[in-house]
């Protein structure tokens, strides 16, 4: 997550962001070298001019020494190290709900925002940099104004940025990175692991099926299943079932939660569904685990 120092230096109001679903700010220079860790709940697009900046994005290490456009998917592990005071630019953050309801076109799915096989950083020449800064300045003006349909205009600006990014760095006729299967598998396993441990029933497990993970990673379920099976030798559904069962055992052994509470915490609507699932995966029942305490 973003460190407190980074949050303050960016002028972010996280509560305001969660309420409105969108936030834009101008980047400020750090006092000294700073590490900005990932926020997992917001998408981010920005234009930045700087030097001596290192970006870790999934399994890539990228250096920034000029003006670039960058895209951050909250489901992809990432961090940014800013080692220089000479940094300027703009960034907008928005929730998935802010863009939910708009048609999921191929142009969006193939963008650096959603397609994890594309580079999240696009170098810009002087003309492109001027244009992108202008779009972000327009978004700041709209965001701080009182236009009745400002959210629609802001969404249109986001789409314009994505279109321009694809125009600058077009697709390679469907050719994927040779390590695409490894990359998507690592993202899936990381996303699966980050859901645990379950700490309270008020925030139940959200991703429980291969389809859930495919949608969260913005890839086709067949591609996800094929990649995970190719890399690990086990189907996506088996990884999910084994991890849920392991968490269920831990909750049964090390908490005083009722079986019903554990069922709800793991995303099951009814305890009966959980009991049947647990027995199918482990060969035993939740109550039998409790009896061995």
C-alpha atoms as a PDB file:
ATOM      1  CA  UNK A   1       0.000   0.000   0.000  1.00  0.00           C
ATOM      2  CA  UNK A   2       1.085   3.622  -0.296  1.00  0.00           C
ATOM      3  CA  UNK A   3       3.189   4.698   2.645  1.00  0.00           C
ATOM      4  CA  UNK A   4       1.966   7.556   4.802  1.00  0.00           C
ATOM      5  CA  UNK A   5       4.752   9.806   3.527  1.00  0.00           C
ATOM      6  CA  UNK A   6       3.831   9.123  -0.070  1.00  0.00           C
ATOM      7  CA  UNK A   7       0.165   9.683   0.646  1.00  0.00           C
ATOM      8  CA  UNK A   8       0.873  13.048   2.196  1.00  0.00           C
ATOM      9  CA  UNK A   9       3.278  14.114  -0.550  1.00  0.00           C
ATOM     10  CA  UNK A  10       0.751  13.265  -3.251  1.00  0.00           C
ATOM     11  CA  UNK A  11      -1.998  15.159  -1.441  1.00  0.00           C
ATOM     12  CA  UNK A  12      -4.319  12.148  -1.544  1.00  0.00           C
ATOM     13  CA  UNK A  13      -7.519  11.910   0.426  1.00  0.00           C
ATOM     14  CA  UNK A  14      -8.247   8.188   0.394  1.00  0.00           C
ATOM     15  CA  UNK A  15     -11.670   8.576   1.999  1.00  0.00           C
ATOM     16  CA  UNK A  16     -12.610  11.102  -0.663  1.00  0.00           C
ATOM     17  CA  UNK A  17     -11.335   8.760  -3.365  1.00  0.00           C
ATOM     18  CA  UNK A  18     -13.407   5.849  -2.084  1.00  0.00           C
ATOM     19  CA  UNK A  19     -16.490   8.050  -1.927  1.00  0.00           C
ATOM     20  CA  UNK A  20     -16.205   9.609  -5.380  1.00  0.00           C
ATOM     21  CA  UNK A  21     -14.423   6.762  -7.136  1.00  0.00           C
ATOM     22  CA  UNK A  22     -11.950   9.091  -8.832  1.00  0.00           C
ATOM     23  CA  UNK A  23      -9.086  11.341  -7.806  1.00  0.00           C
ATOM     24  CA  UNK A  24      -6.481  13.287  -9.752  1.00  0.00           C
ATOM     25  CA  UNK A  25      -3.442  15.100  -8.392  1.00  0.00           C
ATOM     26  CA  UNK A  26      -0.234  16.733  -9.470  1.00  0.00           C
ATOM     27  CA  UNK A  27       2.895  14.850  -8.451  1.00  0.00           C
ATOM     28  CA  UNK A  28       5.091  16.600  -5.919  1.00  0.00           C
ATOM     29  CA  UNK A  29       8.807  16.158  -5.495  1.00  0.00           C
ATOM     30  CA  UNK A  30       9.911  13.932  -2.608  1.00  0.00           C
ATOM     31  CA  UNK A  31      12.155  15.438   0.034  1.00  0.00           C
ATOM     32  CA  UNK A  32      14.541  12.517  -0.434  1.00  0.00           C
ATOM     33  CA  UNK A  33      14.552   9.017  -1.913  1.00  0.00           C
ATOM     34  CA  UNK A  34      11.141   7.432  -1.408  1.00  0.00           C
ATOM     35  CA  UNK A  35       9.477   4.079  -1.926  1.00  0.00           C
ATOM     36  CA  UNK A  36       5.855   4.112  -2.996  1.00  0.00           C
ATOM     37  CA  UNK A  37       4.359   0.700  -2.468  1.00  0.00           C
ATOM     38  CA  UNK A  38       1.301  -0.617  -4.208  1.00  0.00           C
ATOM     39  CA  UNK A  39      -2.315   0.134  -3.414  1.00  0.00           C
ATOM     40  CA  UNK A  40      -4.358  -2.915  -4.331  1.00  0.00           C
ATOM     41  CA  UNK A  41      -7.740  -1.279  -4.637  1.00  0.00           C
ATOM     42  CA  UNK A  42      -7.276   1.501  -7.197  1.00  0.00           C
ATOM     43  CA  UNK A  43      -6.372   1.675 -10.869  1.00  0.00           C
ATOM     44  CA  UNK A  44      -3.856   4.363 -11.727  1.00  0.00           C
ATOM     45  CA  UNK A  45      -2.833   6.225 -14.888  1.00  0.00           C
ATOM     46  CA  UNK A  46      -0.267   8.992 -14.989  1.00  0.00           C
ATOM     47  CA  UNK A  47       2.208  10.990 -16.986  1.00  0.00           C
ATOM     48  CA  UNK A  48       5.542  11.627 -15.292  1.00  0.00           C
ATOM     49  CA  UNK A  49       8.821  13.293 -16.162  1.00  0.00           C
ATOM     50  CA  UNK A  50      11.736  12.238 -14.011  1.00  0.00           C
ATOM     51  CA  UNK A  51      15.073  10.565 -13.726  1.00  0.00           C
ATOM     52  CA  UNK A  52      16.528   7.847 -11.506  1.00  0.00           C
ATOM     53  CA  UNK A  53      13.114   6.253 -11.001  1.00  0.00           C
ATOM     54  CA  UNK A  54      12.823   2.466 -10.781  1.00  0.00           C
ATOM     55  CA  UNK A  55       9.517   0.680 -11.265  1.00  0.00           C
ATOM     56  CA  UNK A  56       8.985  -2.929 -10.255  1.00  0.00           C
ATOM     57  CA  UNK A  57       5.912  -4.292 -12.010  1.00  0.00           C
ATOM     58  CA  UNK A  58       5.152  -8.004 -11.657  1.00  0.00           C
ATOM     59  CA  UNK A  59       8.376  -9.696 -12.833  1.00  0.00           C
ATOM     60  CA  UNK A  60       9.782  -6.626 -14.620  1.00  0.00           C
ATOM     61  CA  UNK A  61      12.230  -3.957 -13.450  1.00  0.00           C
ATOM     62  CA  UNK A  62      11.827  -0.760 -15.479  1.00  0.00           C
ATOM     63  CA  UNK A  63      13.826   2.468 -15.387  1.00  0.00           C
ATOM     64  CA  UNK A  64      12.362   5.928 -15.999  1.00  0.00           C
ATOM     65  CA  UNK A  65      14.688   8.710 -17.139  1.00  0.00           C
ATOM     66  CA  UNK A  66      12.391  10.824 -19.304  1.00  0.00           C
ATOM     67  CA  UNK A  67       8.683  11.507 -19.839  1.00  0.00           C
ATOM     68  CA  UNK A  68       6.478   8.429 -19.810  1.00  0.00           C
ATOM     69  CA  UNK A  69       2.848   7.413 -19.605  1.00  0.00           C
ATOM     70  CA  UNK A  70       2.254   4.733 -16.990  1.00  0.00           C
ATOM     71  CA  UNK A  71      -0.601   2.378 -16.156  1.00  0.00           C
ATOM     72  CA  UNK A  72      -1.105   0.486 -12.897  1.00  0.00           C
ATOM     73  CA  UNK A  73      -3.477  -2.433 -12.430  1.00  0.00           C
ATOM     74  CA  UNK A  74      -4.229  -3.005  -8.708  1.00  0.00           C
ATOM     75  CA  UNK A  75      -4.037  -6.778  -9.209  1.00  0.00           C
ATOM     76  CA  UNK A  76      -0.405  -6.616 -10.331  1.00  0.00           C
ATOM     77  CA  UNK A  77       2.330  -6.406  -7.641  1.00  0.00           C
ATOM     78  CA  UNK A  78       4.233  -3.170  -8.120  1.00  0.00           C
ATOM     79  CA  UNK A  79       6.345  -0.534  -6.403  1.00  0.00           C
ATOM     80  CA  UNK A  80       8.071   2.707  -7.396  1.00  0.00           C
ATOM     81  CA  UNK A  81      11.385   4.017  -6.061  1.00  0.00           C
ATOM     82  CA  UNK A  82      11.871   7.746  -6.635  1.00  0.00           C
ATOM     83  CA  UNK A  83      15.514   8.618  -6.025  1.00  0.00           C
ATOM     84  CA  UNK A  84      15.516  12.118  -7.466  1.00  0.00           C
ATOM     85  CA  UNK A  85      13.808  15.367  -6.563  1.00  0.00           C
ATOM     86  CA  UNK A  86      13.406  16.203 -10.243  1.00  0.00           C
ATOM     87  CA  UNK A  87      10.000  14.618 -10.745  1.00  0.00           C
ATOM     88  CA  UNK A  88       6.875  16.196 -12.188  1.00  0.00           C
ATOM     89  CA  UNK A  89       3.626  15.094 -13.684  1.00  0.00           C
ATOM     90  CA  UNK A  90       0.053  14.053 -12.964  1.00  0.00           C
ATOM     91  CA  UNK A  91      -1.709  10.896 -11.847  1.00  0.00           C
ATOM     92  CA  UNK A  92      -5.327   9.860 -11.579  1.00  0.00           C
ATOM     93  CA  UNK A  93      -6.626   7.010  -9.462  1.00  0.00           C
ATOM     94  CA  UNK A  94     -10.030   5.412  -9.824  1.00  0.00           C
ATOM     95  CA  UNK A  95     -11.950   2.422  -8.547  1.00  0.00           C
ATOM     96  CA  UNK A  96     -13.233  -0.442 -10.627  1.00  0.00           C
ATOM     97  CA  UNK A  97     -16.754   0.747  -9.823  1.00  0.00           C
ATOM     98  CA  UNK A  98     -15.998   4.114 -11.432  1.00  0.00           C
ATOM     99  CA  UNK A  99     -15.695   2.484 -14.851  1.00  0.00           C
ATOM    100  CA  UNK A 100     -18.135  -0.381 -14.238  1.00  0.00           C
ATOM    101  CA  UNK A 101     -21.162  -0.277 -16.482  1.00  0.00           C
ATOM    102  CA  UNK A 102     -19.309   0.874 -19.542  1.00  0.00           C
ATOM    103  CA  UNK A 103     -19.022  -1.599 -22.391  1.00  0.00           C
ATOM    104  CA  UNK A 104     -15.885  -3.719 -21.984  1.00  0.00           C
ATOM    105  CA  UNK A 105     -14.572  -3.225 -25.485  1.00  0.00           C
ATOM    106  CA  UNK A 106     -11.569  -5.030 -26.933  1.00  0.00           C
ATOM    107  CA  UNK A 107      -9.702  -1.709 -26.966  1.00  0.00           C
ATOM    108  CA  UNK A 108      -9.932  -1.528 -23.154  1.00  0.00           C
ATOM    109  CA  UNK A 109      -9.120  -5.200 -22.558  1.00  0.00           C
ATOM    110  CA  UNK A 110      -6.027  -4.896 -24.747  1.00  0.00           C
ATOM    111  CA  UNK A 111      -4.813  -1.713 -23.073  1.00  0.00           C
ATOM    112  CA  UNK A 112      -1.841  -1.540 -20.674  1.00  0.00           C
ATOM    113  CA  UNK A 113      -4.394  -0.924 -17.912  1.00  0.00           C
ATOM    114  CA  UNK A 114      -5.918  -4.398 -18.183  1.00  0.00           C
ATOM    115  CA  UNK A 115      -3.657  -6.528 -20.362  1.00  0.00           C
ATOM    116  CA  UNK A 116      -0.852  -7.754 -18.114  1.00  0.00           C
ATOM    117  CA  UNK A 117       1.240  -8.812 -21.123  1.00  0.00           C
ATOM    118  CA  UNK A 118       1.646  -5.202 -22.265  1.00  0.00           C
ATOM    119  CA  UNK A 119       4.295  -2.891 -20.855  1.00  0.00           C
ATOM    120  CA  UNK A 120       2.820  -0.557 -18.202  1.00  0.00           C
ATOM    121  CA  UNK A 121       5.238   2.228 -19.200  1.00  0.00           C
ATOM    122  CA  UNK A 122       5.170   3.979 -22.576  1.00  0.00           C
ATOM    123  CA  UNK A 123       7.917   6.501 -23.454  1.00  0.00           C
ATOM    124  CA  UNK A 124       6.616   9.760 -24.939  1.00  0.00           C
ATOM    125  CA  UNK A 125       8.263  12.159 -27.355  1.00  0.00           C
ATOM    126  CA  UNK A 126       7.908  15.919 -26.832  1.00  0.00           C
ATOM    127  CA  UNK A 127       4.706  16.250 -28.867  1.00  0.00           C
ATOM    128  CA  UNK A 128       3.073  13.275 -27.147  1.00  0.00           C
ATOM    129  CA  UNK A 129       4.142  14.529 -23.725  1.00  0.00           C
ATOM    130  CA  UNK A 130       2.574  17.941 -24.323  1.00  0.00           C
ATOM    131  CA  UNK A 131      -0.683  16.317 -25.447  1.00  0.00           C
ATOM    132  CA  UNK A 132      -0.867  13.958 -22.459  1.00  0.00           C
ATOM    133  CA  UNK A 133      -0.129  16.699 -19.953  1.00  0.00           C
ATOM    134  CA  UNK A 134      -2.927  18.688 -21.560  1.00  0.00           C
ATOM    135  CA  UNK A 135      -5.389  15.818 -21.062  1.00  0.00           C
ATOM    136  CA  UNK A 136      -4.452  15.484 -17.401  1.00  0.00           C
ATOM    137  CA  UNK A 137      -4.692  19.235 -16.891  1.00  0.00           C
ATOM    138  CA  UNK A 138      -8.158  19.090 -18.454  1.00  0.00           C
ATOM    139  CA  UNK A 139      -9.135  16.310 -16.043  1.00  0.00           C
ATOM    140  CA  UNK A 140      -7.935  18.393 -13.101  1.00  0.00           C
ATOM    141  CA  UNK A 141     -10.014  21.327 -14.276  1.00  0.00           C
ATOM    142  CA  UNK A 142     -13.101  19.147 -14.721  1.00  0.00           C
ATOM    143  CA  UNK A 143     -12.555  17.369 -11.398  1.00  0.00           C
ATOM    144  CA  UNK A 144     -12.324  20.663  -9.504  1.00  0.00           C
ATOM    145  CA  UNK A 145     -15.296  22.174 -11.326  1.00  0.00           C
ATOM    146  CA  UNK A 146     -19.044  21.739 -11.018  1.00  0.00           C
ATOM    147  CA  UNK A 147     -20.003  20.355 -14.419  1.00  0.00           C
ATOM    148  CA  UNK A 148     -23.121  18.204 -14.056  1.00  0.00           C
ATOM    149  CA  UNK A 149     -21.727  15.351 -16.149  1.00  0.00           C
ATOM    150  CA  UNK A 150     -18.148  15.577 -14.995  1.00  0.00           C
ATOM    151  CA  UNK A 151     -17.802  11.837 -14.283  1.00  0.00           C
ATOM    152  CA  UNK A 152     -18.772  11.017 -17.861  1.00  0.00           C
ATOM    153  CA  UNK A 153     -16.249  13.547 -19.125  1.00  0.00           C
ATOM    154  CA  UNK A 154     -13.559  12.113 -16.855  1.00  0.00           C
ATOM    155  CA  UNK A 155     -14.291   8.599 -18.131  1.00  0.00           C
ATOM    156  CA  UNK A 156     -14.025   9.906 -21.684  1.00  0.00           C
ATOM    157  CA  UNK A 157     -10.614  11.377 -20.860  1.00  0.00           C
ATOM    158  CA  UNK A 158      -9.484   8.010 -19.490  1.00  0.00           C
ATOM    159  CA  UNK A 159     -10.610   6.312 -22.708  1.00  0.00           C
ATOM    160  CA  UNK A 160      -8.832   8.962 -24.770  1.00  0.00           C
ATOM    161  CA  UNK A 161      -5.588   8.272 -22.896  1.00  0.00           C
ATOM    162  CA  UNK A 162      -5.977   4.537 -23.496  1.00  0.00           C
ATOM    163  CA  UNK A 163      -6.641   5.069 -27.211  1.00  0.00           C
ATOM    164  CA  UNK A 164      -3.588   7.290 -27.514  1.00  0.00           C
ATOM    165  CA  UNK A 165      -1.471   4.723 -25.642  1.00  0.00           C
ATOM    166  CA  UNK A 166      -2.522   2.005 -28.073  1.00  0.00           C
ATOM    167  CA  UNK A 167      -1.848   4.306 -31.019  1.00  0.00           C
ATOM    168  CA  UNK A 168       1.645   5.095 -29.723  1.00  0.00           C
ATOM    169  CA  UNK A 169       2.419   1.480 -28.866  1.00  0.00           C
ATOM    170  CA  UNK A 170       0.158  -0.697 -31.057  1.00  0.00           C
ATOM    171  CA  UNK A 171      -0.401  -4.405 -30.551  1.00  0.00           C
ATOM    172  CA  UNK A 172       1.925  -6.810 -32.277  1.00  0.00           C
ATOM    173  CA  UNK A 173      -0.725  -8.693 -34.267  1.00  0.00           C
ATOM    174  CA  UNK A 174      -1.652 -10.859 -31.328  1.00  0.00           C
ATOM    175  CA  UNK A 175       1.920 -11.992 -30.603  1.00  0.00           C
ATOM    176  CA  UNK A 176       2.325 -12.473 -26.841  1.00  0.00           C
ATOM    177  CA  UNK A 177       5.463 -12.558 -24.776  1.00  0.00           C
ATOM    178  CA  UNK A 178       6.919 -16.041 -24.715  1.00  0.00           C
ATOM    179  CA  UNK A 179       6.718 -15.938 -20.941  1.00  0.00           C
ATOM    180  CA  UNK A 180       3.085 -14.854 -20.954  1.00  0.00           C
ATOM    181  CA  UNK A 181       1.938 -18.128 -19.397  1.00  0.00           C
ATOM    182  CA  UNK A 182       4.410 -17.701 -16.540  1.00  0.00           C
ATOM    183  CA  UNK A 183       3.367 -14.105 -16.020  1.00  0.00           C
ATOM    184  CA  UNK A 184      -0.371 -14.760 -15.861  1.00  0.00           C
ATOM    185  CA  UNK A 185       0.192 -17.790 -13.630  1.00  0.00           C
ATOM    186  CA  UNK A 186       2.273 -15.735 -11.207  1.00  0.00           C
ATOM    187  CA  UNK A 187      -0.401 -13.039 -11.155  1.00  0.00           C
ATOM    188  CA  UNK A 188      -3.095 -15.627 -10.475  1.00  0.00           C
ATOM    189  CA  UNK A 189      -1.146 -17.264  -7.643  1.00  0.00           C
ATOM    190  CA  UNK A 190      -0.299 -13.890  -6.110  1.00  0.00           C
ATOM    191  CA  UNK A 191      -3.909 -12.727  -6.310  1.00  0.00           C
ATOM    192  CA  UNK A 192      -5.090 -16.007  -4.789  1.00  0.00           C
ATOM    193  CA  UNK A 193      -2.629 -15.782  -1.917  1.00  0.00           C
ATOM    194  CA  UNK A 194      -3.376 -12.117  -1.176  1.00  0.00           C
ATOM    195  CA  UNK A 195      -6.959 -12.973  -0.258  1.00  0.00           C
ATOM    196  CA  UNK A 196      -5.766 -14.709   2.883  1.00  0.00           C
ATOM    197  CA  UNK A 197      -5.867 -14.862   5.810  1.00  0.00           C
ATOM    198  CA  UNK A 198      -9.574 -14.222   6.361  1.00  0.00           C
ATOM    199  CA  UNK A 199      -9.710 -11.985   9.418  1.00  0.00           C
ATOM    200  CA  UNK A 200     -13.419 -11.293   9.823  1.00  0.00           C
ATOM    201  CA  UNK A 201     -16.738 -12.372   8.353  1.00  0.00           C
ATOM    202  CA  UNK A 202     -17.611  -8.808   7.406  1.00  0.00           C
ATOM    203  CA  UNK A 203     -15.176  -9.088   4.481  1.00  0.00           C
ATOM    204  CA  UNK A 204     -15.856 -12.513   2.956  1.00  0.00           C
ATOM    205  CA  UNK A 205     -13.776 -14.098   0.220  1.00  0.00           C
ATOM    206  CA  UNK A 206     -14.555 -12.437  -3.110  1.00  0.00           C
ATOM    207  CA  UNK A 207     -12.733 -14.572  -5.673  1.00  0.00           C
ATOM    208  CA  UNK A 208     -13.704 -18.237  -5.474  1.00  0.00           C
ATOM    209  CA  UNK A 209     -13.847 -19.521  -9.044  1.00  0.00           C
ATOM    210  CA  UNK A 210     -11.572 -19.558 -12.075  1.00  0.00           C
ATOM    211  CA  UNK A 211     -14.026 -17.218 -13.794  1.00  0.00           C
ATOM    212  CA  UNK A 212     -13.751 -14.753 -10.895  1.00  0.00           C
ATOM    213  CA  UNK A 213      -9.961 -14.664 -11.244  1.00  0.00           C
ATOM    214  CA  UNK A 214     -10.090 -14.413 -15.042  1.00  0.00           C
ATOM    215  CA  UNK A 215     -12.406 -11.398 -14.832  1.00  0.00           C
ATOM    216  CA  UNK A 216     -10.266  -9.763 -12.146  1.00  0.00           C
ATOM    217  CA  UNK A 217      -7.132 -10.217 -14.281  1.00  0.00           C
ATOM    218  CA  UNK A 218      -8.991  -9.176 -17.469  1.00  0.00           C
ATOM    219  CA  UNK A 219      -8.094 -12.333 -19.379  1.00  0.00           C
ATOM    220  CA  UNK A 220     -10.214 -15.056 -20.970  1.00  0.00           C
ATOM    221  CA  UNK A 221     -10.849 -17.978 -18.646  1.00  0.00           C
ATOM    222  CA  UNK A 222      -9.511 -20.435 -21.238  1.00  0.00           C
ATOM    223  CA  UNK A 223      -6.208 -18.536 -21.382  1.00  0.00           C
ATOM    224  CA  UNK A 224      -5.943 -18.489 -17.598  1.00  0.00           C
ATOM    225  CA  UNK A 225      -6.725 -22.192 -17.263  1.00  0.00           C
ATOM    226  CA  UNK A 226      -4.346 -23.164 -20.047  1.00  0.00           C
ATOM    227  CA  UNK A 227      -1.506 -21.061 -18.629  1.00  0.00           C
ATOM    228  CA  UNK A 228      -1.891 -22.266 -15.035  1.00  0.00           C
ATOM    229  CA  UNK A 229      -2.084 -25.928 -16.092  1.00  0.00           C
ATOM    230  CA  UNK A 230       0.927 -25.519 -18.390  1.00  0.00           C
ATOM    231  CA  UNK A 231       3.115 -23.892 -15.731  1.00  0.00           C
ATOM    232  CA  UNK A 232       2.050 -25.730 -12.562  1.00  0.00           C
ATOM    233  CA  UNK A 233       0.621 -28.987 -13.845  1.00  0.00           C
ATOM    234  CA  UNK A 234      -2.588 -28.418 -11.874  1.00  0.00           C
ATOM    235  CA  UNK A 235      -5.898 -26.828 -12.981  1.00  0.00           C
ATOM    236  CA  UNK A 236      -6.845 -23.383 -11.739  1.00  0.00           C
ATOM    237  CA  UNK A 237      -9.827 -24.803  -9.857  1.00  0.00           C
ATOM    238  CA  UNK A 238      -7.584 -27.199  -7.905  1.00  0.00           C
ATOM    239  CA  UNK A 239      -5.318 -24.371  -6.739  1.00  0.00           C
ATOM    240  CA  UNK A 240      -8.362 -22.424  -5.562  1.00  0.00           C
ATOM    241  CA  UNK A 241      -9.973 -25.403  -3.813  1.00  0.00           C
ATOM    242  CA  UNK A 242      -6.766 -26.401  -2.033  1.00  0.00           C
ATOM    243  CA  UNK A 243      -6.141 -22.848  -0.801  1.00  0.00           C
ATOM    244  CA  UNK A 244      -9.711 -22.398   0.452  1.00  0.00           C
ATOM    245  CA  UNK A 245      -9.569 -25.789   2.196  1.00  0.00           C
ATOM    246  CA  UNK A 246      -6.248 -24.882   3.827  1.00  0.00           C
ATOM    247  CA  UNK A 247      -7.708 -21.632   5.137  1.00  0.00           C
ATOM    248  CA  UNK A 248     -10.800 -23.450   6.373  1.00  0.00           C
ATOM    249  CA  UNK A 249      -8.635 -25.898   8.335  1.00  0.00           C
ATOM    250  CA  UNK A 250      -6.665 -23.038   9.879  1.00  0.00           C
ATOM    251  CA  UNK A 251      -9.863 -21.284  10.956  1.00  0.00           C
ATOM    252  CA  UNK A 252     -11.268 -24.506  12.382  1.00  0.00           C
ATOM    253  CA  UNK A 253      -8.094 -25.232  14.323  1.00  0.00           C
ATOM    254  CA  UNK A 254      -6.990 -21.806  15.494  1.00  0.00           C
ATOM    255  CA  UNK A 255     -10.147 -19.719  15.943  1.00  0.00           C
ATOM    256  CA  UNK A 256     -13.340 -20.049  17.938  1.00  0.00           C
ATOM    257  CA  UNK A 257     -15.486 -19.133  14.945  1.00  0.00           C
ATOM    258  CA  UNK A 258     -18.529 -21.303  14.420  1.00  0.00           C
ATOM    259  CA  UNK A 259     -18.678 -23.449  11.291  1.00  0.00           C
ATOM    260  CA  UNK A 260     -21.372 -21.082   9.999  1.00  0.00           C
ATOM    261  CA  UNK A 261     -19.105 -18.054  10.507  1.00  0.00           C
ATOM    262  CA  UNK A 262     -16.248 -19.797   8.713  1.00  0.00           C
ATOM    263  CA  UNK A 263     -18.569 -20.687   5.852  1.00  0.00           C
ATOM    264  CA  UNK A 264     -19.695 -17.069   5.451  1.00  0.00           C
ATOM    265  CA  UNK A 265     -16.131 -15.790   5.760  1.00  0.00           C
ATOM    266  CA  UNK A 266     -15.053 -18.052   2.902  1.00  0.00           C
ATOM    267  CA  UNK A 267     -17.868 -16.815   0.689  1.00  0.00           C
ATOM    268  CA  UNK A 268     -20.404 -19.629   1.038  1.00  0.00           C
ATOM    269  CA  UNK A 269     -24.043 -18.577   1.250  1.00  0.00           C
ATOM    270  CA  UNK A 270     -25.007 -21.505   3.460  1.00  0.00           C
ATOM    271  CA  UNK A 271     -23.046 -23.713   5.899  1.00  0.00           C
ATOM    272  CA  UNK A 272     -24.358 -26.800   4.102  1.00  0.00           C
ATOM    273  CA  UNK A 273     -22.637 -25.698   0.889  1.00  0.00           C
ATOM    274  CA  UNK A 274     -19.395 -25.242   2.813  1.00  0.00           C
ATOM    275  CA  UNK A 275     -19.666 -28.640   4.510  1.00  0.00           C
ATOM    276  CA  UNK A 276     -20.185 -30.402   1.180  1.00  0.00           C
ATOM    277  CA  UNK A 277     -17.335 -28.468  -0.449  1.00  0.00           C
ATOM    278  CA  UNK A 278     -14.928 -29.148   2.412  1.00  0.00           C
ATOM    279  CA  UNK A 279     -15.708 -32.858   2.454  1.00  0.00           C
ATOM    280  CA  UNK A 280     -15.319 -33.136  -1.319  1.00  0.00           C
ATOM    281  CA  UNK A 281     -11.911 -31.432  -1.257  1.00  0.00           C
ATOM    282  CA  UNK A 282     -10.453 -32.911   1.952  1.00  0.00           C
ATOM    283  CA  UNK A 283     -12.334 -36.157   2.384  1.00  0.00           C
ATOM    284  CA  UNK A 284     -13.453 -35.193   5.879  1.00  0.00           C
ATOM    285  CA  UNK A 285     -15.934 -32.821   7.518  1.00  0.00           C
ATOM    286  CA  UNK A 286     -15.383 -29.540   9.371  1.00  0.00           C
ATOM    287  CA  UNK A 287     -16.800 -31.020  12.576  1.00  0.00           C
ATOM    288  CA  UNK A 288     -14.318 -33.888  12.472  1.00  0.00           C
ATOM    289  CA  UNK A 289     -11.464 -31.349  12.365  1.00  0.00           C
ATOM    290  CA  UNK A 290     -12.861 -29.621  15.449  1.00  0.00           C
ATOM    291  CA  UNK A 291     -13.156 -32.936  17.297  1.00  0.00           C
ATOM    292  CA  UNK A 292      -9.386 -33.416  17.092  1.00  0.00           C
ATOM    293  CA  UNK A 293      -8.678 -30.198  19.003  1.00  0.00           C
END
